[in-house]
């Protein structure tokens, strides 16, 4: 990998804050074996790093996979002047819960610094 590619990779995957809360999980035998195979393919990555990256990618994909459910309220107009209706599906609730969690994490970080 060239340095410029490494920087692009870090910019895409290395930003943000890591939560210090530990998470423990049990995998089925099948998934444990698959993780071991992936770890063998990438010996420079720890199992914890692989699990973190897989969970992060899965959560990102989950967030974008929530179906749009059209509401009644017009919230904007697109570039062609057509109405854009509010989303009454899972996305707004997910965003709301995510923002609340981020605020709690930020507050906890500020408390630990003080």
N, C-alpha and C. Protein backbone atom coordinates (compact mmCIF):
# COMPACT_ATOMS: atom_id res chain seq x y z
N UNK A 1 0.86 -1.18 0.00
CA UNK A 1 0.00 0.00 0.00
C UNK A 1 0.90 1.23 0.00
N UNK A 2 0.56 2.18 -0.82
CA UNK A 2 1.31 3.43 -0.87
C UNK A 2 0.85 4.35 0.26
N UNK A 3 1.69 5.30 0.62
CA UNK A 3 1.37 6.22 1.72
C UNK A 3 0.07 6.95 1.46
N UNK A 4 -0.14 7.44 0.22
CA UNK A 4 -1.37 8.19 -0.06
C UNK A 4 -2.60 7.30 0.11
N UNK A 5 -2.47 6.00 -0.23
CA UNK A 5 -3.58 5.07 -0.03
C UNK A 5 -3.83 4.82 1.45
N UNK A 6 -2.74 4.74 2.20
CA UNK A 6 -2.86 4.54 3.64
C UNK A 6 -3.56 5.73 4.29
N UNK A 7 -3.21 6.93 3.88
CA UNK A 7 -3.86 8.13 4.43
C UNK A 7 -5.34 8.13 4.08
N UNK A 8 -5.67 7.76 2.86
CA UNK A 8 -7.09 7.67 2.47
C UNK A 8 -7.82 6.66 3.34
N UNK A 9 -7.17 5.52 3.57
CA UNK A 9 -7.77 4.48 4.42
C UNK A 9 -7.98 5.01 5.84
N UNK A 10 -6.97 5.70 6.39
CA UNK A 10 -7.10 6.26 7.74
C UNK A 10 -8.19 7.32 7.79
N UNK A 11 -8.26 8.16 6.76
CA UNK A 11 -9.29 9.19 6.73
C UNK A 11 -10.68 8.58 6.72
N UNK A 12 -10.82 7.48 6.01
CA UNK A 12 -12.13 6.84 5.91
C UNK A 12 -12.46 6.00 7.14
N UNK A 13 -11.46 5.33 7.71
CA UNK A 13 -11.74 4.35 8.76
C UNK A 13 -11.12 4.67 10.12
N UNK A 14 -10.33 5.71 10.22
CA UNK A 14 -9.61 5.93 11.47
C UNK A 14 -10.02 7.16 12.24
N UNK A 15 -11.11 7.76 11.88
CA UNK A 15 -11.55 8.98 12.55
C UNK A 15 -12.59 8.67 13.61
N UNK A 16 -12.86 9.65 14.43
CA UNK A 16 -13.88 9.50 15.45
C UNK A 16 -13.28 9.10 16.78
N UNK A 17 -14.13 8.82 17.70
CA UNK A 17 -13.70 8.43 19.04
C UNK A 17 -14.08 6.99 19.29
N UNK A 18 -13.24 6.32 20.04
CA UNK A 18 -13.57 4.96 20.46
C UNK A 18 -14.20 5.02 21.83
N UNK A 19 -15.25 4.27 21.99
CA UNK A 19 -15.92 4.15 23.27
C UNK A 19 -15.10 3.19 24.13
N UNK A 20 -14.89 3.52 25.38
CA UNK A 20 -14.08 2.67 26.26
C UNK A 20 -14.89 1.60 26.97
N UNK A 21 -16.19 1.57 26.74
CA UNK A 21 -17.02 0.54 27.36
C UNK A 21 -16.70 -0.80 26.70
N UNK A 22 -16.43 -1.79 27.52
CA UNK A 22 -16.14 -3.12 27.00
C UNK A 22 -17.43 -3.80 26.57
N UNK A 23 -17.35 -4.58 25.53
CA UNK A 23 -18.49 -5.35 25.06
C UNK A 23 -18.04 -6.80 24.92
N UNK A 24 -18.75 -7.67 25.54
CA UNK A 24 -18.43 -9.10 25.47
C UNK A 24 -19.53 -9.80 24.67
N UNK A 25 -19.11 -10.74 23.84
CA UNK A 25 -20.10 -11.44 23.04
C UNK A 25 -19.72 -12.89 22.88
N UNK A 26 -20.71 -13.68 22.67
CA UNK A 26 -20.51 -15.10 22.38
C UNK A 26 -20.90 -15.34 20.94
N UNK A 27 -20.04 -16.03 20.23
CA UNK A 27 -20.31 -16.35 18.84
C UNK A 27 -20.69 -17.82 18.72
N UNK A 28 -21.48 -18.12 17.75
CA UNK A 28 -21.76 -19.52 17.45
C UNK A 28 -20.45 -20.16 16.99
N UNK A 29 -20.38 -21.47 17.06
CA UNK A 29 -19.17 -22.16 16.59
C UNK A 29 -18.86 -21.82 15.14
N UNK A 30 -19.91 -21.75 14.34
CA UNK A 30 -19.73 -21.44 12.91
C UNK A 30 -19.14 -20.06 12.71
N UNK A 31 -19.67 -19.05 13.41
CA UNK A 31 -19.17 -17.69 13.25
C UNK A 31 -17.78 -17.53 13.87
N UNK A 32 -17.51 -18.25 14.95
CA UNK A 32 -16.17 -18.21 15.54
C UNK A 32 -15.15 -18.76 14.55
N UNK A 33 -15.51 -19.85 13.88
CA UNK A 33 -14.61 -20.43 12.89
C UNK A 33 -14.40 -19.48 11.71
N UNK A 34 -15.47 -18.82 11.27
CA UNK A 34 -15.32 -17.85 10.18
C UNK A 34 -14.41 -16.70 10.59
N UNK A 35 -14.57 -16.23 11.82
CA UNK A 35 -13.70 -15.16 12.31
C UNK A 35 -12.24 -15.61 12.33
N UNK A 36 -12.00 -16.84 12.74
CA UNK A 36 -10.64 -17.36 12.75
C UNK A 36 -10.06 -17.43 11.34
N UNK A 37 -10.89 -17.78 10.37
CA UNK A 37 -10.42 -17.81 8.97
C UNK A 37 -10.07 -16.41 8.49
N UNK A 38 -10.91 -15.44 8.82
CA UNK A 38 -10.62 -14.06 8.43
C UNK A 38 -9.34 -13.59 9.12
N UNK A 39 -9.19 -13.92 10.39
CA UNK A 39 -7.98 -13.53 11.14
C UNK A 39 -6.73 -14.14 10.51
N UNK A 40 -6.84 -15.37 10.01
CA UNK A 40 -5.71 -16.00 9.35
C UNK A 40 -5.35 -15.29 8.05
N UNK A 41 -6.36 -14.73 7.39
CA UNK A 41 -6.11 -14.00 6.15
C UNK A 41 -5.46 -12.64 6.41
N UNK A 42 -5.71 -12.07 7.60
CA UNK A 42 -5.20 -10.75 7.96
C UNK A 42 -4.46 -10.83 9.29
N UNK A 43 -3.28 -11.43 9.29
CA UNK A 43 -2.57 -11.66 10.55
C UNK A 43 -2.11 -10.38 11.27
N UNK A 44 -2.10 -9.26 10.59
CA UNK A 44 -1.70 -8.00 11.24
C UNK A 44 -2.87 -7.34 11.96
N UNK A 45 -4.05 -7.92 11.88
CA UNK A 45 -5.23 -7.39 12.57
C UNK A 45 -5.58 -8.33 13.71
N UNK A 46 -5.86 -7.77 14.88
CA UNK A 46 -6.28 -8.60 16.00
C UNK A 46 -7.73 -9.01 15.82
N UNK A 47 -8.14 -10.05 16.52
CA UNK A 47 -9.54 -10.48 16.46
C UNK A 47 -10.46 -9.36 16.92
N UNK A 48 -10.03 -8.61 17.94
CA UNK A 48 -10.84 -7.49 18.43
C UNK A 48 -11.01 -6.43 17.36
N UNK A 49 -9.94 -6.13 16.63
CA UNK A 49 -10.04 -5.15 15.55
C UNK A 49 -10.98 -5.63 14.46
N UNK A 50 -10.88 -6.90 14.11
CA UNK A 50 -11.75 -7.46 13.08
C UNK A 50 -13.21 -7.41 13.52
N UNK A 51 -13.47 -7.80 14.76
CA UNK A 51 -14.85 -7.77 15.27
C UNK A 51 -15.38 -6.34 15.28
N UNK A 52 -14.55 -5.40 15.76
CA UNK A 52 -14.97 -4.00 15.78
C UNK A 52 -15.30 -3.51 14.38
N UNK A 53 -14.43 -3.80 13.42
CA UNK A 53 -14.65 -3.34 12.05
C UNK A 53 -15.89 -3.99 11.43
N UNK A 54 -16.08 -5.27 11.69
CA UNK A 54 -17.26 -5.96 11.16
C UNK A 54 -18.55 -5.42 11.75
N UNK A 55 -18.55 -5.18 13.05
CA UNK A 55 -19.75 -4.64 13.70
C UNK A 55 -20.01 -3.22 13.21
N UNK A 56 -18.96 -2.41 13.10
CA UNK A 56 -19.13 -1.04 12.62
C UNK A 56 -19.71 -1.01 11.21
N UNK A 57 -19.16 -1.85 10.33
CA UNK A 57 -19.67 -1.90 8.96
C UNK A 57 -21.12 -2.39 8.93
N UNK A 58 -21.43 -3.36 9.76
CA UNK A 58 -22.80 -3.89 9.80
C UNK A 58 -23.78 -2.83 10.29
N UNK A 59 -23.39 -2.09 11.32
CA UNK A 59 -24.28 -1.04 11.84
C UNK A 59 -24.47 0.08 10.83
N UNK A 60 -23.39 0.44 10.12
CA UNK A 60 -23.52 1.46 9.07
C UNK A 60 -24.49 0.99 8.00
N UNK A 61 -24.36 -0.26 7.61
CA UNK A 61 -25.25 -0.81 6.58
C UNK A 61 -26.69 -0.91 7.09
N UNK A 62 -26.84 -1.30 8.34
CA UNK A 62 -28.17 -1.39 8.93
C UNK A 62 -28.86 -0.04 8.89
N UNK A 63 -28.13 1.00 9.28
CA UNK A 63 -28.70 2.34 9.32
C UNK A 63 -29.21 2.78 7.95
N UNK A 64 -28.48 2.44 6.91
CA UNK A 64 -28.89 2.86 5.56
C UNK A 64 -29.94 1.93 4.96
N UNK A 65 -30.21 0.81 5.63
CA UNK A 65 -31.17 -0.14 5.06
C UNK A 65 -32.59 0.04 5.59
N UNK A 66 -32.78 0.93 6.56
CA UNK A 66 -34.14 1.14 7.07
C UNK A 66 -35.02 1.64 5.94
N UNK A 67 -36.19 1.06 5.76
CA UNK A 67 -37.05 1.49 4.66
C UNK A 67 -37.66 2.87 4.93
N UNK A 68 -37.79 3.62 3.88
CA UNK A 68 -38.45 4.93 3.95
C UNK A 68 -39.95 4.70 3.99
N UNK A 69 -40.60 5.34 4.98
CA UNK A 69 -42.06 5.28 5.08
C UNK A 69 -42.56 6.72 4.97
N UNK A 70 -43.27 7.01 3.90
CA UNK A 70 -43.70 8.38 3.63
C UNK A 70 -44.73 8.83 4.66
N UNK A 71 -44.46 10.00 5.25
CA UNK A 71 -45.42 10.62 6.15
C UNK A 71 -46.31 11.59 5.39
N UNK A 72 -47.08 12.36 6.13
CA UNK A 72 -48.01 13.31 5.53
C UNK A 72 -47.42 14.71 5.38
N UNK A 73 -46.41 15.03 6.16
CA UNK A 73 -45.85 16.38 6.23
C UNK A 73 -44.78 16.59 5.16
N UNK A 74 -44.90 17.69 4.40
CA UNK A 74 -43.88 18.06 3.42
C UNK A 74 -42.76 18.76 4.17
N UNK A 75 -41.52 18.24 4.04
CA UNK A 75 -40.39 18.81 4.77
C UNK A 75 -39.42 19.55 3.86
N UNK A 76 -39.54 19.37 2.55
CA UNK A 76 -38.64 20.05 1.61
C UNK A 76 -39.17 19.86 0.19
N UNK A 77 -38.48 20.49 -0.72
CA UNK A 77 -38.75 20.32 -2.14
C UNK A 77 -37.45 19.94 -2.82
N UNK A 78 -37.50 18.98 -3.73
CA UNK A 78 -36.27 18.57 -4.41
C UNK A 78 -35.92 19.58 -5.50
N UNK A 79 -34.82 19.32 -6.22
CA UNK A 79 -34.33 20.26 -7.22
C UNK A 79 -35.30 20.46 -8.38
N UNK A 80 -36.23 19.53 -8.55
CA UNK A 80 -37.24 19.66 -9.60
C UNK A 80 -38.54 20.26 -9.09
N UNK A 81 -38.57 20.64 -7.82
CA UNK A 81 -39.76 21.26 -7.25
C UNK A 81 -40.79 20.28 -6.69
N UNK A 82 -40.44 19.01 -6.68
CA UNK A 82 -41.37 18.01 -6.14
C UNK A 82 -41.29 17.97 -4.61
N UNK A 83 -42.41 17.66 -4.01
CA UNK A 83 -42.47 17.60 -2.55
C UNK A 83 -41.66 16.42 -2.02
N UNK A 84 -40.98 16.65 -0.89
CA UNK A 84 -40.29 15.60 -0.16
C UNK A 84 -41.01 15.47 1.17
N UNK A 85 -41.52 14.29 1.44
CA UNK A 85 -42.31 14.08 2.64
C UNK A 85 -41.43 13.53 3.77
N UNK A 86 -41.85 13.81 5.00
CA UNK A 86 -41.12 13.30 6.16
C UNK A 86 -41.07 11.78 6.13
N UNK A 87 -40.06 11.25 6.78
CA UNK A 87 -39.91 9.80 6.90
C UNK A 87 -40.54 9.38 8.22
N UNK A 88 -41.53 8.52 8.16
CA UNK A 88 -42.19 8.02 9.36
C UNK A 88 -41.70 6.62 9.71
N UNK A 89 -40.64 6.18 9.05
CA UNK A 89 -40.10 4.84 9.30
C UNK A 89 -39.16 4.83 10.50
N UNK A 90 -38.23 3.90 10.50
CA UNK A 90 -37.31 3.71 11.61
C UNK A 90 -36.16 4.72 11.64
N UNK A 91 -35.83 5.30 10.51
CA UNK A 91 -34.66 6.18 10.44
C UNK A 91 -34.74 7.36 11.40
N UNK A 92 -35.84 8.11 11.47
CA UNK A 92 -35.86 9.25 12.39
C UNK A 92 -35.68 8.83 13.86
N UNK A 93 -36.26 7.73 14.25
CA UNK A 93 -36.11 7.26 15.63
C UNK A 93 -34.67 6.83 15.88
N UNK A 94 -34.06 6.16 14.92
CA UNK A 94 -32.67 5.74 15.04
C UNK A 94 -31.76 6.94 15.18
N UNK A 95 -31.98 7.96 14.36
CA UNK A 95 -31.17 9.18 14.42
C UNK A 95 -31.34 9.86 15.78
N UNK A 96 -32.57 9.94 16.26
CA UNK A 96 -32.84 10.56 17.56
C UNK A 96 -32.10 9.82 18.68
N UNK A 97 -32.20 8.52 18.70
CA UNK A 97 -31.53 7.73 19.73
C UNK A 97 -30.01 7.85 19.62
N UNK A 98 -29.51 7.89 18.41
CA UNK A 98 -28.06 8.05 18.19
C UNK A 98 -27.57 9.38 18.73
N UNK A 99 -28.31 10.45 18.47
CA UNK A 99 -27.92 11.77 18.95
C UNK A 99 -27.94 11.84 20.47
N UNK A 100 -28.93 11.22 21.09
CA UNK A 100 -28.99 11.19 22.55
C UNK A 100 -27.79 10.45 23.13
N UNK A 101 -27.44 9.33 22.54
CA UNK A 101 -26.31 8.54 23.01
C UNK A 101 -25.01 9.31 22.85
N UNK A 102 -24.84 9.99 21.72
CA UNK A 102 -23.63 10.78 21.49
C UNK A 102 -23.52 11.89 22.53
N UNK A 103 -24.63 12.55 22.84
CA UNK A 103 -24.61 13.61 23.85
C UNK A 103 -24.22 13.06 25.22
N UNK A 104 -24.73 11.88 25.58
CA UNK A 104 -24.37 11.26 26.86
C UNK A 104 -22.89 10.91 26.90
N UNK A 105 -22.36 10.38 25.79
CA UNK A 105 -20.94 10.05 25.73
C UNK A 105 -20.07 11.29 25.85
N UNK A 106 -20.46 12.37 25.16
CA UNK A 106 -19.69 13.62 25.25
C UNK A 106 -19.71 14.16 26.67
N UNK A 107 -20.87 14.11 27.32
CA UNK A 107 -20.97 14.60 28.68
C UNK A 107 -20.10 13.77 29.62
N UNK A 108 -20.09 12.47 29.42
CA UNK A 108 -19.26 11.59 30.25
C UNK A 108 -17.79 11.86 30.03
N UNK A 109 -17.39 12.14 28.79
CA UNK A 109 -16.00 12.45 28.50
C UNK A 109 -15.59 13.76 29.17
N UNK A 110 -16.49 14.74 29.13
CA UNK A 110 -16.19 16.02 29.79
C UNK A 110 -16.04 15.84 31.30
N UNK A 111 -16.87 14.98 31.89
CA UNK A 111 -16.77 14.72 33.31
C UNK A 111 -15.45 14.06 33.66
N UNK A 112 -14.98 13.17 32.81
CA UNK A 112 -13.73 12.46 33.10
C UNK A 112 -12.51 13.37 32.95
N UNK A 113 -12.62 14.42 32.13
CA UNK A 113 -11.52 15.36 31.95
C UNK A 113 -11.45 16.34 33.12
N UNK A 114 -12.62 16.70 33.65
CA UNK A 114 -12.69 17.70 34.73
C UNK A 114 -12.18 17.16 36.03
